[in-house]
Amino acid sequence: MRPISNPPNPWLTTQVEYLDEPQPAELHVYEERARSALVANDSPDVGFRWSVNPYRGCQHACAYCYARPSHQYLGFGAGTDFERRIVVKTNVHELLSLELARPSWKRECVAFSGNTDCYQPLEASYELTRRCLEVALARCTPVGIITKSTLVRRDLDVLSELARGPGASVHVSIAFLDERVARLIEPGAPTPKRRFETLRLLAEAGVRTGVAIAPLIPGLNESDVAGILARAKDAGASSAFLVLLRLPAEVLPVFRERLASALPERARKVENALREMKQGAWNRSEFGLRMRGSGPRWEAIERMFAIQCRRLGLNLPEEEPRAPRSVQGMLFAS
């Protein structure tokens, strides 16, 4: 990795209209020449096999991000380093072009991203995700995107072409209706209002869209689920999925510290509810259990989610998601 002395400022680019206000934190950018673009996934908890991750670390700074521990493999911390020390794979689109040109490539769906958000603010400067999408279009490869960012609007032209061709779906992650709470827990991400607007623009451009209620934080955003689904449907979403809060390894202290600082009156309630759904533990690491809960409270949330989806006409015709794997298998299908 090569540290950049003067990292690009996304807020000084022509794409600034897609970004919210910058965070008051010093940013360090490291550029690297990656050795590969496609990442193979064999986890039974997610329904895609291939993913591309143009960036490591994420300026959205979500307290609950399950990708935080991966930053430690780079010699960085899982806390503020994850949010302020961003690694950019400057040649990811070149590698992807070579990999998708192989005779063995079967044009399976490629997920953006399996780790951190491919449309975080630095994408406004580097445009690596856009270049990867252009490669996918040229190689007739379907794509599936999950993002919180409104920057995805910039690429409506490429995404609409993909949608008319090999296939494209975009799920916008919206966990909160209350913009104050969203800002406290996801300080670098766009507001929920702008994310709903993004859903509408994507749908109007002919891109298959959905909403990801990820994560469901018991004691904090359970009451938002029905409203999020209704607003997403009004914005043109055709599918939805729900994932329970995961707090692996070093994510737990980051989340607990942020929650105690930002919403101290809710901290004990959230912690007790989560442990109730995780059989007394903070986290379940077993495959099949990592992204869902158990017990009466979790089952009630699942039932409510399924009822609201049926009422609104989401996840039609036959899909009625219960486990994250079935939902993600649907949303990344071409």
Protein backbone atom coordinates (compact mmCIF):
# COMPACT_ATOMS: atom_id res chain seq x y z
CA MET A 1 0.00 0.00 0.00
CA ARG A 2 1.20 3.50 -0.85
CA PRO A 3 -0.03 6.37 1.35
CA ILE A 4 -1.19 9.44 -0.59
CA SER A 5 0.27 12.72 0.64
CA ASN A 6 -2.63 14.77 -0.72
CA PRO A 7 -5.68 12.49 -0.93
CA PRO A 8 -8.45 13.55 -3.31
CA ASN A 9 -11.31 15.52 -1.80
CA PRO A 10 -14.61 14.13 -3.15
CA TRP A 11 -16.39 17.33 -2.16
CA LEU A 12 -14.34 19.29 -4.69
CA THR A 13 -15.37 17.10 -7.65
CA THR A 14 -18.20 17.53 -10.12
CA GLN A 15 -20.04 14.79 -8.20
CA VAL A 16 -20.49 16.86 -5.04
CA GLU A 17 -24.26 17.09 -5.64
CA TYR A 18 -24.51 13.41 -4.71
CA LEU A 19 -22.73 13.74 -1.37
CA ASP A 20 -23.86 14.90 2.05
CA GLU A 21 -21.69 17.07 4.29
CA PRO A 22 -18.14 15.79 4.93
CA GLN A 23 -17.24 14.41 8.32
CA PRO A 24 -15.01 16.53 10.57
CA ALA A 25 -12.27 13.90 10.57
CA GLU A 26 -8.86 13.70 8.93
CA LEU A 27 -8.80 11.23 6.05
CA HIS A 28 -5.82 9.08 5.09
CA VAL A 29 -5.89 7.35 1.71
CA TYR A 30 -3.69 4.45 0.65
CA GLU A 31 -3.54 3.29 -2.95
CA GLU A 32 -2.67 -0.28 -3.83
CA ARG A 33 -2.30 -2.40 -6.94
CA ALA A 34 -4.52 -5.37 -6.20
CA ARG A 35 -3.69 -8.88 -7.40
CA SER A 36 -7.28 -9.89 -8.15
CA ALA A 37 -10.72 -8.33 -8.41
CA LEU A 38 -13.23 -11.14 -7.96
CA VAL A 39 -13.63 -12.54 -4.46
CA ALA A 40 -15.16 -16.02 -4.15
CA ASN A 41 -17.68 -16.55 -1.36
CA ASP A 42 -18.55 -19.94 0.13
CA SER A 43 -20.59 -18.81 3.14
CA PRO A 44 -24.03 -20.43 3.34
CA ASP A 45 -25.40 -17.21 4.86
CA VAL A 46 -25.25 -15.18 1.66
CA GLY A 47 -26.67 -16.00 -1.74
CA PHE A 48 -23.93 -14.74 -4.04
CA ARG A 49 -20.73 -16.47 -5.04
CA TRP A 50 -18.70 -13.58 -6.48
CA SER A 51 -18.11 -10.06 -5.24
CA VAL A 52 -15.91 -7.05 -6.01
CA ASN A 53 -14.61 -4.66 -3.34
CA PRO A 54 -12.94 -1.53 -4.75
CA TYR A 55 -12.31 -0.07 -1.28
CA ARG A 56 -11.20 -1.25 2.15
CA GLY A 57 -12.56 0.69 5.09
CA CYS A 58 -15.56 2.99 4.79
CA GLN A 59 -16.18 6.68 5.44
CA HIS A 60 -19.82 6.03 6.25
CA ALA A 61 -18.54 5.10 9.73
CA CYS A 62 -21.54 2.96 10.68
CA ALA A 63 -21.06 1.81 14.26
CA TYR A 64 -22.40 -1.67 13.52
CA CYS A 65 -20.41 -2.46 10.33
CA TYR A 66 -19.50 -6.15 10.34
CA ALA A 67 -16.50 -5.45 8.03
CA ARG A 68 -14.55 -3.57 10.70
CA PRO A 69 -12.40 -6.54 11.82
CA SER A 70 -11.09 -7.00 8.25
CA HIS A 71 -9.15 -3.74 8.62
CA GLN A 72 -6.89 -5.39 11.17
CA TYR A 73 -5.44 -7.64 8.48
CA LEU A 74 -3.92 -4.46 7.05
CA GLY A 75 -2.32 -3.47 10.34
CA PHE A 76 -5.02 -0.87 11.09
CA GLY A 77 -7.60 -0.71 13.87
CA ALA A 78 -11.26 -1.67 13.63
CA GLY A 79 -12.44 1.60 15.18
CA THR A 80 -11.62 5.04 13.81
CA ASP A 81 -8.94 3.61 11.49
CA PHE A 82 -11.68 1.78 9.62
CA GLU A 83 -13.43 5.11 9.00
CA ARG A 84 -10.42 7.34 8.30
CA ARG A 85 -7.79 5.09 6.68
CA ILE A 86 -9.24 4.00 3.35
CA VAL A 87 -7.45 1.68 0.95
CA VAL A 88 -8.21 2.15 -2.75
CA LYS A 89 -7.62 -0.65 -5.28
CA THR A 90 -6.68 1.56 -8.20
CA ASN A 91 -6.48 -1.26 -10.76
CA VAL A 92 -9.59 -3.20 -9.74
CA HIS A 93 -11.44 -2.48 -13.00
CA GLU A 94 -8.47 -3.59 -15.10
CA LEU A 95 -8.26 -6.88 -13.22
CA LEU A 96 -12.01 -7.39 -13.44
CA SER A 97 -11.89 -6.97 -17.21
CA LEU A 98 -9.25 -9.69 -17.48
CA GLU A 99 -11.07 -12.05 -15.12
CA LEU A 100 -14.46 -11.70 -16.83
CA ALA A 101 -12.79 -12.34 -20.20
CA ARG A 102 -11.61 -15.80 -19.19
CA PRO A 103 -13.19 -18.67 -21.15
CA SER A 104 -14.10 -20.30 -17.83
CA TRP A 105 -16.22 -17.32 -16.72
CA LYS A 106 -19.90 -18.33 -16.69
CA ARG A 107 -21.36 -14.83 -16.41
CA GLU A 108 -22.58 -15.36 -12.87
CA CYS A 109 -23.89 -12.39 -10.92
CA VAL A 110 -21.24 -10.20 -9.28
CA ALA A 111 -22.08 -8.45 -6.02
CA PHE A 112 -20.88 -4.92 -5.22
CA SER A 113 -19.66 -5.10 -2.52
CA GLY A 114 -19.31 -8.07 -0.22
CA ASN A 115 -17.44 -5.96 2.31
CA THR A 116 -17.51 -2.13 2.41
CA ASP A 117 -19.73 0.27 0.46
CA CYS A 118 -18.65 0.55 -3.18
CA TYR A 119 -20.24 4.03 -3.39
CA GLN A 120 -18.61 5.64 -0.36
CA PRO A 121 -17.49 9.27 -0.90
CA LEU A 122 -14.08 8.49 -2.44
CA GLU A 123 -15.87 6.84 -5.35
CA ALA A 124 -16.76 10.35 -6.52
CA SER A 125 -13.07 10.92 -7.19
CA TYR A 126 -11.79 7.49 -8.21
CA GLU A 127 -14.86 6.22 -10.16
CA LEU A 128 -13.70 2.63 -9.72
CA THR A 129 -17.18 1.20 -9.19
CA ARG A 130 -18.42 2.90 -12.34
CA ARG A 131 -15.52 1.48 -14.34
CA CYS A 132 -16.24 -1.99 -12.96
CA LEU A 133 -19.89 -1.66 -13.97
CA GLU A 134 -18.80 -0.67 -17.47
CA VAL A 135 -16.65 -3.81 -17.58
CA ALA A 136 -19.59 -5.95 -16.45
CA LEU A 137 -21.74 -4.43 -19.20
CA ALA A 138 -19.08 -5.11 -21.81
CA ARG A 139 -18.69 -8.71 -20.58
CA CYS A 140 -22.47 -9.35 -20.34
CA THR A 141 -22.26 -10.02 -16.59
CA PRO A 142 -25.19 -9.26 -14.25
CA VAL A 143 -24.58 -7.23 -11.11
CA GLY A 144 -26.19 -6.75 -7.72
CA ILE A 145 -25.46 -3.73 -5.53
CA ILE A 146 -26.14 -2.94 -1.88
CA THR A 147 -25.36 0.63 -0.86
CA LYS A 148 -26.33 3.46 1.46
CA SER A 149 -24.97 6.09 -0.89
CA THR A 150 -26.79 8.51 -3.16
CA LEU A 151 -23.70 8.51 -5.37
CA VAL A 152 -25.17 5.49 -7.15
CA ARG A 153 -27.42 8.01 -8.95
CA ARG A 154 -24.41 9.15 -10.97
CA ASP A 155 -24.32 5.75 -12.69
CA LEU A 156 -27.96 5.52 -13.70
CA ASP A 157 -26.93 5.42 -17.35
CA VAL A 158 -24.75 2.32 -16.95
CA LEU A 159 -27.13 0.62 -14.54
CA SER A 160 -30.13 1.11 -16.83
CA GLU A 161 -28.16 -0.45 -19.70
CA LEU A 162 -27.22 -3.38 -17.48
CA ALA A 163 -30.87 -3.73 -16.43
CA ARG A 164 -31.94 -3.95 -20.08
CA GLY A 165 -29.15 -6.42 -20.81
CA PRO A 166 -27.52 -8.98 -18.52
CA GLY A 167 -29.31 -7.69 -15.41
CA ALA A 168 -28.88 -5.26 -12.53
CA SER A 169 -30.43 -4.87 -9.11
CA VAL A 170 -29.75 -2.25 -6.44
CA HIS A 171 -30.80 -2.61 -2.83
CA VAL A 172 -30.54 0.57 -0.78
CA SER A 173 -29.79 -0.05 2.88
CA ILE A 174 -32.16 1.93 5.15
CA ALA A 175 -32.28 0.96 8.80
CA PHE A 176 -33.92 4.05 10.34
CA LEU A 177 -36.75 6.48 9.68
CA ASP A 178 -35.60 8.94 12.32
CA GLU A 179 -32.90 11.03 10.66
CA ARG A 180 -31.43 12.08 14.01
CA VAL A 181 -30.90 8.47 15.07
CA ALA A 182 -29.50 7.59 11.64
CA ARG A 183 -26.95 10.40 11.87
CA LEU A 184 -25.85 9.26 15.33
CA ILE A 185 -25.32 5.62 14.33
CA GLU A 186 -24.32 6.15 10.66
CA PRO A 187 -22.62 9.57 10.79
CA GLY A 188 -21.05 9.46 7.32
CA ALA A 189 -23.99 8.05 5.38
CA PRO A 190 -26.66 10.04 3.51
CA THR A 191 -29.94 10.75 5.30
CA PRO A 192 -32.80 8.25 5.00
CA LYS A 193 -34.78 10.82 3.00
CA ARG A 194 -32.10 10.98 0.32
CA ARG A 195 -31.87 7.20 0.21
CA PHE A 196 -35.61 6.90 -0.48
CA GLU A 197 -35.19 9.48 -3.23
CA THR A 198 -32.39 7.36 -4.66
CA LEU A 199 -34.65 4.31 -4.71
CA ARG A 200 -37.22 6.26 -6.71
CA LEU A 201 -34.70 7.48 -9.28
CA LEU A 202 -33.30 3.98 -9.75
CA ALA A 203 -36.75 2.50 -10.22
CA GLU A 204 -37.71 5.21 -12.69
CA ALA A 205 -34.57 4.37 -14.68
CA GLY A 206 -35.74 0.78 -15.03
CA VAL A 207 -33.38 -0.75 -12.46
CA ARG A 208 -34.82 -3.47 -10.22
CA THR A 209 -34.69 -2.07 -6.69
CA GLY A 210 -35.20 -3.18 -3.14
CA VAL A 211 -34.68 -2.06 0.43
CA ALA A 212 -32.34 -3.67 2.93
CA ILE A 213 -33.36 -3.21 6.55
CA ALA A 214 -29.88 -3.96 7.71
CA PRO A 215 -29.34 -4.17 10.50
CA LEU A 216 -32.45 -4.68 12.60
CA ILE A 217 -31.38 -3.36 16.01
CA PRO A 218 -33.85 -4.60 18.62
CA GLY A 219 -34.94 -1.89 21.00
CA LEU A 220 -33.96 0.83 18.54
CA ASN A 221 -35.50 0.43 15.08
CA GLU A 222 -38.11 -2.36 15.33
CA SER A 223 -40.87 0.23 15.13
CA ASP A 224 -39.40 1.61 11.89
CA VAL A 225 -39.77 -1.60 9.86
CA ALA A 226 -43.34 -1.12 8.62
CA GLY A 227 -42.71 2.52 7.72
CA ILE A 228 -39.48 1.75 5.87
CA LEU A 229 -41.19 -0.95 3.81
CA ALA A 230 -44.12 1.32 2.94
CA ARG A 231 -41.91 4.23 1.88
CA ALA A 232 -39.65 1.92 -0.11
CA LYS A 233 -42.65 0.48 -1.94
CA ASP A 234 -43.89 3.99 -2.72
CA ALA A 235 -40.42 4.73 -4.13
CA GLY A 236 -40.63 1.78 -6.52
CA ALA A 237 -38.92 -1.02 -4.59
CA SER A 238 -40.02 -4.53 -5.50
CA SER A 239 -38.18 -6.52 -2.82
CA ALA A 240 -36.89 -6.28 0.73
CA PHE A 241 -34.81 -8.19 3.21
CA LEU A 242 -34.08 -8.00 6.92
CA VAL A 243 -30.85 -8.84 8.79
CA LEU A 244 -30.39 -8.87 12.56
CA LEU A 245 -27.53 -6.86 14.03
CA ARG A 246 -24.22 -8.74 13.99
CA LEU A 247 -21.50 -7.80 16.47
CA PRO A 248 -18.48 -9.98 15.66
CA ALA A 249 -15.14 -9.57 17.41
CA GLU A 250 -14.03 -5.94 17.54
CA VAL A 251 -17.36 -4.56 16.27
CA LEU A 252 -18.96 -5.10 19.68
CA PRO A 253 -16.96 -2.48 21.65
CA VAL A 254 -17.26 0.04 18.80
CA PHE A 255 -21.04 -0.34 18.68
CA ARG A 256 -21.52 -0.33 22.45
CA GLU A 257 -19.37 2.77 22.86
CA ARG A 258 -21.22 4.65 20.10
CA LEU A 259 -24.63 3.62 21.44
CA ALA A 260 -23.77 4.59 25.02
CA SER A 261 -22.46 7.95 23.89
CA ALA A 262 -25.17 8.82 21.35
CA LEU A 263 -28.28 7.22 22.88
CA PRO A 264 -27.50 6.37 26.52
CA GLU A 265 -31.18 6.03 27.41
CA ARG A 266 -31.57 3.21 24.85
CA ALA A 267 -28.33 1.33 25.42
CA ARG A 268 -29.50 -1.10 28.12
CA LYS A 269 -32.73 -1.83 26.26
CA VAL A 270 -30.90 -2.63 23.03
CA GLU A 271 -28.32 -4.81 24.72
CA ASN A 272 -30.90 -6.83 26.65
CA ALA A 273 -33.08 -7.33 23.57
CA LEU A 274 -30.14 -8.44 21.44
CA ARG A 275 -28.94 -10.95 24.01
CA GLU A 276 -32.50 -12.27 24.23
CA MET A 277 -32.45 -12.97 20.49
CA LYS A 278 -28.93 -14.45 20.59
CA GLN A 279 -29.63 -16.98 23.36
CA GLY A 280 -27.82 -14.90 25.97
CA ALA A 281 -24.77 -14.15 23.82
CA TRP A 282 -23.71 -10.91 22.17
CA ASN A 283 -23.11 -12.65 18.89
CA ARG A 284 -23.64 -16.02 17.20
CA SER A 285 -20.86 -16.90 14.78
CA GLU A 286 -22.25 -20.21 13.51
CA PHE A 287 -23.25 -20.38 9.85
CA GLY A 288 -27.02 -20.08 9.52
CA LEU A 289 -27.34 -18.16 12.80
CA ARG A 290 -25.09 -15.14 12.29
CA MET A 291 -27.66 -12.86 10.67
CA ARG A 292 -30.87 -13.94 12.34
CA GLY A 293 -32.17 -14.43 15.83
CA SER A 294 -34.24 -16.92 17.77
CA GLY A 295 -36.99 -16.83 20.35
CA PRO A 296 -40.44 -15.22 20.53
CA ARG A 297 -39.32 -11.63 19.97
CA TRP A 298 -37.38 -12.41 16.79
CA GLU A 299 -40.17 -14.64 15.48
CA ALA A 300 -42.65 -11.80 16.01
CA ILE A 301 -40.41 -9.45 14.00
CA GLU A 302 -40.14 -11.99 11.18
CA ARG A 303 -43.91 -12.45 11.11
CA MET A 304 -44.52 -8.71 11.05
CA PHE A 305 -41.97 -8.27 8.25
CA ALA A 306 -43.55 -11.04 6.17
CA ILE A 307 -47.07 -9.65 6.69
CA GLN A 308 -46.05 -6.15 5.69
CA CYS A 309 -44.24 -7.45 2.59
CA ARG A 310 -47.34 -9.39 1.53
CA ARG A 311 -49.58 -6.41 2.14
CA LEU A 312 -47.37 -4.14 0.06
CA GLY A 313 -46.64 -6.64 -2.70
CA LEU A 314 -42.90 -6.92 -2.01
CA ASN A 315 -40.89 -10.07 -2.79
CA LEU A 316 -43.41 -11.32 -5.35
CA PRO A 317 -44.35 -13.68 -6.80
CA GLU A 318 -43.26 -16.58 -4.63
CA GLU A 319 -40.41 -15.28 -2.45
CA GLU A 320 -41.28 -14.71 1.16
CA PRO A 321 -37.92 -14.33 2.91
CA ARG A 322 -37.24 -15.62 6.35
CA ALA A 323 -33.48 -16.25 6.42
CA PRO A 324 -31.04 -13.77 4.92
CA ARG A 325 -29.65 -16.40 2.54
CA SER A 326 -32.95 -16.86 0.70
CA VAL A 327 -33.43 -13.13 0.39
CA GLN A 328 -29.94 -12.36 -0.84
CA GLY A 329 -30.10 -15.25 -3.27
CA MET A 330 -33.15 -13.55 -4.75
CA LEU A 331 -31.81 -10.02 -4.90
CA PHE A 332 -28.57 -10.97 -6.58
CA ALA A 333 -30.21 -13.22 -9.15
CA SER A 334 -29.87 -12.02 -12.71
